[in-house]
Amino acid sequence: MLYLEFPNKSHELGGTKITIGIIEKNTRLKEWYLQNGFVHVGNHEYAHLPFVVGYMEMEVW
């Protein structure tokens, strides 16, 4: 799976973490990321968006 290559490539390029934003109410997607090493770090409501954005992070190795 291509997704599994991103942490290694990010580390090779000097990165220390990956941060993503998702639609907070999409619990299926959120659970998938949690099961694959991401941690939920918060959310934010933007006036121009009709949904709350959830932020997730993963430390890279």
PDB file of N, CA and C in Angstrom:
ATOM      1  N   MET A   1       0.847  -1.178   0.000  1.00  0.00           N
ATOM      2  CA  MET A   1       0.000   0.000   0.000  1.00  0.00           C
ATOM      3  C   MET A   1       0.892   1.242   0.000  1.00  0.00           C
ATOM      4  N   LEU A   2       0.635   2.133  -0.920  1.00  0.00           N
ATOM      5  CA  LEU A   2       1.440   3.338  -1.066  1.00  0.00           C
ATOM      6  C   LEU A   2       1.467   4.168   0.206  1.00  0.00           C
ATOM      7  N   TYR A   3       0.341   4.222   0.921  1.00  0.00           N
ATOM      8  CA  TYR A   3       0.269   5.012   2.155  1.00  0.00           C
ATOM      9  C   TYR A   3       1.392   4.634   3.116  1.00  0.00           C
ATOM     10  N   LEU A   4       1.717   3.354   3.198  1.00  0.00           N
ATOM     11  CA  LEU A   4       2.720   2.885   4.144  1.00  0.00           C
ATOM     12  C   LEU A   4       4.121   3.363   3.809  1.00  0.00           C
ATOM     13  N   GLU A   5       4.351   3.847   2.606  1.00  0.00           N
ATOM     14  CA  GLU A   5       5.661   4.352   2.212  1.00  0.00           C
ATOM     15  C   GLU A   5       5.871   5.805   2.630  1.00  0.00           C
ATOM     16  N   PHE A   6       4.793   6.552   2.870  1.00  0.00           N
ATOM     17  CA  PHE A   6       4.915   7.976   3.187  1.00  0.00           C
ATOM     18  C   PHE A   6       5.731   8.272   4.438  1.00  0.00           C
ATOM     19  N   PRO A   7       5.534   7.554   5.550  1.00  0.00           N
ATOM     20  CA  PRO A   7       6.340   7.870   6.735  1.00  0.00           C
ATOM     21  C   PRO A   7       7.836   7.715   6.488  1.00  0.00           C
ATOM     22  N   ASN A   8       8.238   6.660   5.792  1.00  0.00           N
ATOM     23  CA  ASN A   8       9.659   6.460   5.509  1.00  0.00           C
ATOM     24  C   ASN A   8      10.206   7.565   4.616  1.00  0.00           C
ATOM     25  N   LYS A   9       9.479   7.915   3.576  1.00  0.00           N
ATOM     26  CA  LYS A   9       9.925   8.960   2.652  1.00  0.00           C
ATOM     27  C   LYS A   9      10.003  10.303   3.366  1.00  0.00           C
ATOM     28  N   SER A  10       9.025  10.588   4.196  1.00  0.00           N
ATOM     29  CA  SER A  10       9.025  11.838   4.952  1.00  0.00           C
ATOM     30  C   SER A  10      10.264  11.917   5.840  1.00  0.00           C
ATOM     31  N   HIS A  11      10.590  10.816   6.501  1.00  0.00           N
ATOM     32  CA  HIS A  11      11.774  10.781   7.359  1.00  0.00           C
ATOM     33  C   HIS A  11      13.050  10.966   6.539  1.00  0.00           C
ATOM     34  N   GLU A  12      13.134  10.307   5.393  1.00  0.00           N
ATOM     35  CA  GLU A  12      14.301  10.447   4.514  1.00  0.00           C
ATOM     36  C   GLU A  12      14.531  11.901   4.125  1.00  0.00           C
ATOM     37  N   LEU A  13      13.446  12.647   3.980  1.00  0.00           N
ATOM     38  CA  LEU A  13      13.533  14.053   3.579  1.00  0.00           C
ATOM     39  C   LEU A  13      13.691  14.993   4.772  1.00  0.00           C
ATOM     40  N   GLY A  14      13.846  14.434   5.974  1.00  0.00           N
ATOM     41  CA  GLY A  14      14.078  15.247   7.162  1.00  0.00           C
ATOM     42  C   GLY A  14      12.844  15.566   7.983  1.00  0.00           C
ATOM     43  N   GLY A  15      11.703  15.000   7.621  1.00  0.00           N
ATOM     44  CA  GLY A  15      10.471  15.257   8.369  1.00  0.00           C
ATOM     45  C   GLY A  15      10.446  14.505   9.686  1.00  0.00           C
ATOM     46  N   THR A  16       9.665  15.027  10.631  1.00  0.00           N
ATOM     47  CA  THR A  16       9.526  14.365  11.925  1.00  0.00           C
ATOM     48  C   THR A  16       8.089  13.951  12.213  1.00  0.00           C
ATOM     49  N   LYS A  17       7.135  14.515  11.474  1.00  0.00           N
ATOM     50  CA  LYS A  17       5.745  14.118  11.661  1.00  0.00           C
ATOM     51  C   LYS A  17       4.927  14.441  10.423  1.00  0.00           C
ATOM     52  N   ILE A  18       3.795  13.748  10.305  1.00  0.00           N
ATOM     53  CA  ILE A  18       2.830  13.988   9.237  1.00  0.00           C
ATOM     54  C   ILE A  18       1.565  14.500   9.915  1.00  0.00           C
ATOM     55  N   THR A  19       1.035  15.609   9.433  1.00  0.00           N
ATOM     56  CA  THR A  19      -0.205  16.166   9.955  1.00  0.00           C
ATOM     57  C   THR A  19      -1.234  16.188   8.836  1.00  0.00           C
ATOM     58  N   ILE A  20      -2.435  15.713   9.141  1.00  0.00           N
ATOM     59  CA  ILE A  20      -3.509  15.697   8.150  1.00  0.00           C
ATOM     60  C   ILE A  20      -4.757  16.345   8.730  1.00  0.00           C
ATOM     61  N   GLY A  21      -5.632  16.777   7.853  1.00  0.00           N
ATOM     62  CA  GLY A  21      -6.940  17.284   8.246  1.00  0.00           C
ATOM     63  C   GLY A  21      -8.010  16.427   7.597  1.00  0.00           C
ATOM     64  N   ILE A  22      -9.025  16.080   8.368  1.00  0.00           N
ATOM     65  CA  ILE A  22     -10.130  15.264   7.860  1.00  0.00           C
ATOM     66  C   ILE A  22     -11.455  15.901   8.267  1.00  0.00           C
ATOM     67  N   ILE A  23     -12.531  15.448   7.656  1.00  0.00           N
ATOM     68  CA  ILE A  23     -13.858  15.866   8.101  1.00  0.00           C
ATOM     69  C   ILE A  23     -14.125  15.131   9.416  1.00  0.00           C
ATOM     70  N   GLU A  24     -14.255  15.885  10.481  1.00  0.00           N
ATOM     71  CA  GLU A  24     -14.359  15.310  11.828  1.00  0.00           C
ATOM     72  C   GLU A  24     -15.481  14.284  11.969  1.00  0.00           C
ATOM     73  N   LYS A  25     -16.600  14.498  11.322  1.00  0.00           N
ATOM     74  CA  LYS A  25     -17.734  13.574  11.449  1.00  0.00           C
ATOM     75  C   LYS A  25     -17.547  12.264  10.693  1.00  0.00           C
ATOM     76  N   ASN A  26     -16.511  12.159   9.884  1.00  0.00           N
ATOM     77  CA  ASN A  26     -16.265  10.927   9.138  1.00  0.00           C
ATOM     78  C   ASN A  26     -15.561   9.931  10.063  1.00  0.00           C
ATOM     79  N   THR A  27     -16.339   9.283  10.910  1.00  0.00           N
ATOM     80  CA  THR A  27     -15.763   8.400  11.919  1.00  0.00           C
ATOM     81  C   THR A  27     -15.073   7.178  11.315  1.00  0.00           C
ATOM     82  N   ARG A  28     -15.557   6.719  10.193  1.00  0.00           N
ATOM     83  CA  ARG A  28     -14.914   5.562   9.545  1.00  0.00           C
ATOM     84  C   ARG A  28     -13.485   5.914   9.122  1.00  0.00           C
ATOM     85  N   LEU A  29     -13.321   7.080   8.521  1.00  0.00           N
ATOM     86  CA  LEU A  29     -11.989   7.523   8.103  1.00  0.00           C
ATOM     87  C   LEU A  29     -11.102   7.791   9.317  1.00  0.00           C
ATOM     88  N   LYS A  30     -11.666   8.455  10.322  1.00  0.00           N
ATOM     89  CA  LYS A  30     -10.911   8.769  11.536  1.00  0.00           C
ATOM     90  C   LYS A  30     -10.406   7.489  12.200  1.00  0.00           C
ATOM     91  N   GLU A  31     -11.259   6.484  12.313  1.00  0.00           N
ATOM     92  CA  GLU A  31     -10.866   5.202  12.910  1.00  0.00           C
ATOM     93  C   GLU A  31      -9.765   4.529  12.105  1.00  0.00           C
ATOM     94  N   TRP A  32      -9.847   4.622  10.782  1.00  0.00           N
ATOM     95  CA  TRP A  32      -8.819   4.013   9.932  1.00  0.00           C
ATOM     96  C   TRP A  32      -7.459   4.633  10.226  1.00  0.00           C
ATOM     97  N   TYR A  33      -7.422   5.970  10.293  1.00  0.00           N
ATOM     98  CA  TYR A  33      -6.157   6.640  10.592  1.00  0.00           C
ATOM     99  C   TYR A  33      -5.661   6.301  11.993  1.00  0.00           C
ATOM    100  N   LEU A  34      -6.554   6.231  12.966  1.00  0.00           N
ATOM    101  CA  LEU A  34      -6.157   5.858  14.327  1.00  0.00           C
ATOM    102  C   LEU A  34      -5.545   4.464  14.345  1.00  0.00           C
ATOM    103  N   GLN A  35      -6.123   3.542  13.606  1.00  0.00           N
ATOM    104  CA  GLN A  35      -5.617   2.170  13.551  1.00  0.00           C
ATOM    105  C   GLN A  35      -4.290   2.070  12.806  1.00  0.00           C
ATOM    106  N   ASN A  36      -3.949   3.106  12.053  1.00  0.00           N
ATOM    107  CA  ASN A  36      -2.711   3.092  11.276  1.00  0.00           C
ATOM    108  C   ASN A  36      -1.668   4.066  11.803  1.00  0.00           C
ATOM    109  N   GLY A  37      -1.744   4.381  13.090  1.00  0.00           N
ATOM    110  CA  GLY A  37      -0.672   5.117  13.744  1.00  0.00           C
ATOM    111  C   GLY A  37      -0.866   6.600  13.971  1.00  0.00           C
ATOM    112  N   PHE A  38      -1.966   7.164  13.514  1.00  0.00           N
ATOM    113  CA  PHE A  38      -2.209   8.590  13.732  1.00  0.00           C
ATOM    114  C   PHE A  38      -2.873   8.814  15.087  1.00  0.00           C
ATOM    115  N   VAL A  39      -2.687  10.017  15.628  1.00  0.00           N
ATOM    116  CA  VAL A  39      -3.293  10.431  16.887  1.00  0.00           C
ATOM    117  C   VAL A  39      -4.133  11.669  16.608  1.00  0.00           C
ATOM    118  N   HIS A  40      -5.342  11.704  17.147  1.00  0.00           N
ATOM    119  CA  HIS A  40      -6.204  12.884  16.989  1.00  0.00           C
ATOM    120  C   HIS A  40      -5.669  13.979  17.900  1.00  0.00           C
ATOM    121  N   VAL A  41      -5.376  15.159  17.336  1.00  0.00           N
ATOM    122  CA  VAL A  41      -4.773  16.242  18.123  1.00  0.00           C
ATOM    123  C   VAL A  41      -5.670  17.461  18.266  1.00  0.00           C
ATOM    124  N   GLY A  42      -6.854  17.420  17.701  1.00  0.00           N
ATOM    125  CA  GLY A  42      -7.768  18.546  17.858  1.00  0.00           C
ATOM    126  C   GLY A  42      -8.630  18.751  16.634  1.00  0.00           C
ATOM    127  N   ASN A  43      -9.454  19.800  16.715  1.00  0.00           N
ATOM    128  CA  ASN A  43     -10.293  20.136  15.573  1.00  0.00           C
ATOM    129  C   ASN A  43     -10.512  21.641  15.541  1.00  0.00           C
ATOM    130  N   HIS A  44     -11.019  22.099  14.409  1.00  0.00           N
ATOM    131  CA  HIS A  44     -11.246  23.536  14.236  1.00  0.00           C
ATOM    132  C   HIS A  44     -12.440  23.755  13.318  1.00  0.00           C
ATOM    133  N   GLU A  45     -13.226  24.750  13.669  1.00  0.00           N
ATOM    134  CA  GLU A  45     -14.377  25.132  12.856  1.00  0.00           C
ATOM    135  C   GLU A  45     -14.002  26.369  12.046  1.00  0.00           C
ATOM    136  N   TYR A  46     -14.035  26.242  10.733  1.00  0.00           N
ATOM    137  CA  TYR A  46     -13.738  27.361   9.842  1.00  0.00           C
ATOM    138  C   TYR A  46     -15.050  27.921   9.307  1.00  0.00           C
ATOM    139  N   ALA A  47     -15.180  29.232   9.298  1.00  0.00           N
ATOM    140  CA  ALA A  47     -16.426  29.882   8.868  1.00  0.00           C
ATOM    141  C   ALA A  47     -16.787  29.559   7.421  1.00  0.00           C
ATOM    142  N   HIS A  48     -15.789  29.349   6.573  1.00  0.00           N
ATOM    143  CA  HIS A  48     -16.052  29.119   5.153  1.00  0.00           C
ATOM    144  C   HIS A  48     -16.310  27.651   4.800  1.00  0.00           C
ATOM    145  N   LEU A  49     -16.243  26.760   5.790  1.00  0.00           N
ATOM    146  CA  LEU A  49     -16.479  25.343   5.532  1.00  0.00           C
ATOM    147  C   LEU A  49     -17.749  24.875   6.233  1.00  0.00           C
ATOM    148  N   PRO A  50     -18.494  23.975   5.605  1.00  0.00           N
ATOM    149  CA  PRO A  50     -19.737  23.483   6.208  1.00  0.00           C
ATOM    150  C   PRO A  50     -19.521  22.301   7.164  1.00  0.00           C
ATOM    151  N   PHE A  51     -18.280  22.053   7.556  1.00  0.00           N
ATOM    152  CA  PHE A  51     -17.966  20.937   8.449  1.00  0.00           C
ATOM    153  C   PHE A  51     -16.801  21.325   9.357  1.00  0.00           C
ATOM    154  N   VAL A  52     -16.631  20.576  10.426  1.00  0.00           N
ATOM    155  CA  VAL A  52     -15.506  20.771  11.348  1.00  0.00           C
ATOM    156  C   VAL A  52     -14.325  19.954  10.831  1.00  0.00           C
ATOM    157  N   VAL A  53     -13.146  20.554  10.838  1.00  0.00           N
ATOM    158  CA  VAL A  53     -11.930  19.868  10.404  1.00  0.00           C
ATOM    159  C   VAL A  53     -11.254  19.254  11.629  1.00  0.00           C
ATOM    160  N   GLY A  54     -10.995  17.961  11.567  1.00  0.00           N
ATOM    161  CA  GLY A  54     -10.250  17.273  12.619  1.00  0.00           C
ATOM    162  C   GLY A  54      -8.804  17.130  12.183  1.00  0.00           C
ATOM    163  N   TYR A  55      -7.887  17.340  13.122  1.00  0.00           N
ATOM    164  CA  TYR A  55      -6.462  17.228  12.812  1.00  0.00           C
ATOM    165  C   TYR A  55      -5.878  15.989  13.469  1.00  0.00           C
ATOM    166  N   MET A  56      -5.045  15.291  12.703  1.00  0.00           N
ATOM    167  CA  MET A  56      -4.406  14.076  13.178  1.00  0.00           C
ATOM    168  C   MET A  56      -2.929  14.144  12.822  1.00  0.00           C
ATOM    169  N   GLU A  57      -2.106  13.533  13.671  1.00  0.00           N
ATOM    170  CA  GLU A  57      -0.662  13.538  13.442  1.00  0.00           C
ATOM    171  C   GLU A  57      -0.084  12.145  13.640  1.00  0.00           C
ATOM    172  N   MET A  58       1.058  11.940  12.984  1.00  0.00           N
ATOM    173  CA  MET A  58       1.804  10.704  13.162  1.00  0.00           C
ATOM    174  C   MET A  58       3.287  11.043  13.157  1.00  0.00           C
ATOM    175  N   GLU A  59       4.004  10.591  14.177  1.00  0.00           N
ATOM    176  CA  GLU A  59       5.454  10.760  14.207  1.00  0.00           C
ATOM    177  C   GLU A  59       6.049   9.829  13.148  1.00  0.00           C
ATOM    178  N   VAL A  60       7.078  10.296  12.460  1.00  0.00           N
ATOM    179  CA  VAL A  60       7.710   9.451  11.439  1.00  0.00           C
ATOM    180  C   VAL A  60       9.027   8.920  11.964  1.00  0.00           C
ATOM    181  N   TRP A  61       9.433   7.806  11.426  1.00  0.00           N
ATOM    182  CA  TRP A  61      10.631   7.125  11.888  1.00  0.00           C
ATOM    183  C   TRP A  61      11.655   7.015  10.814  1.00  0.00           C
TER     184      TRP A  61
END
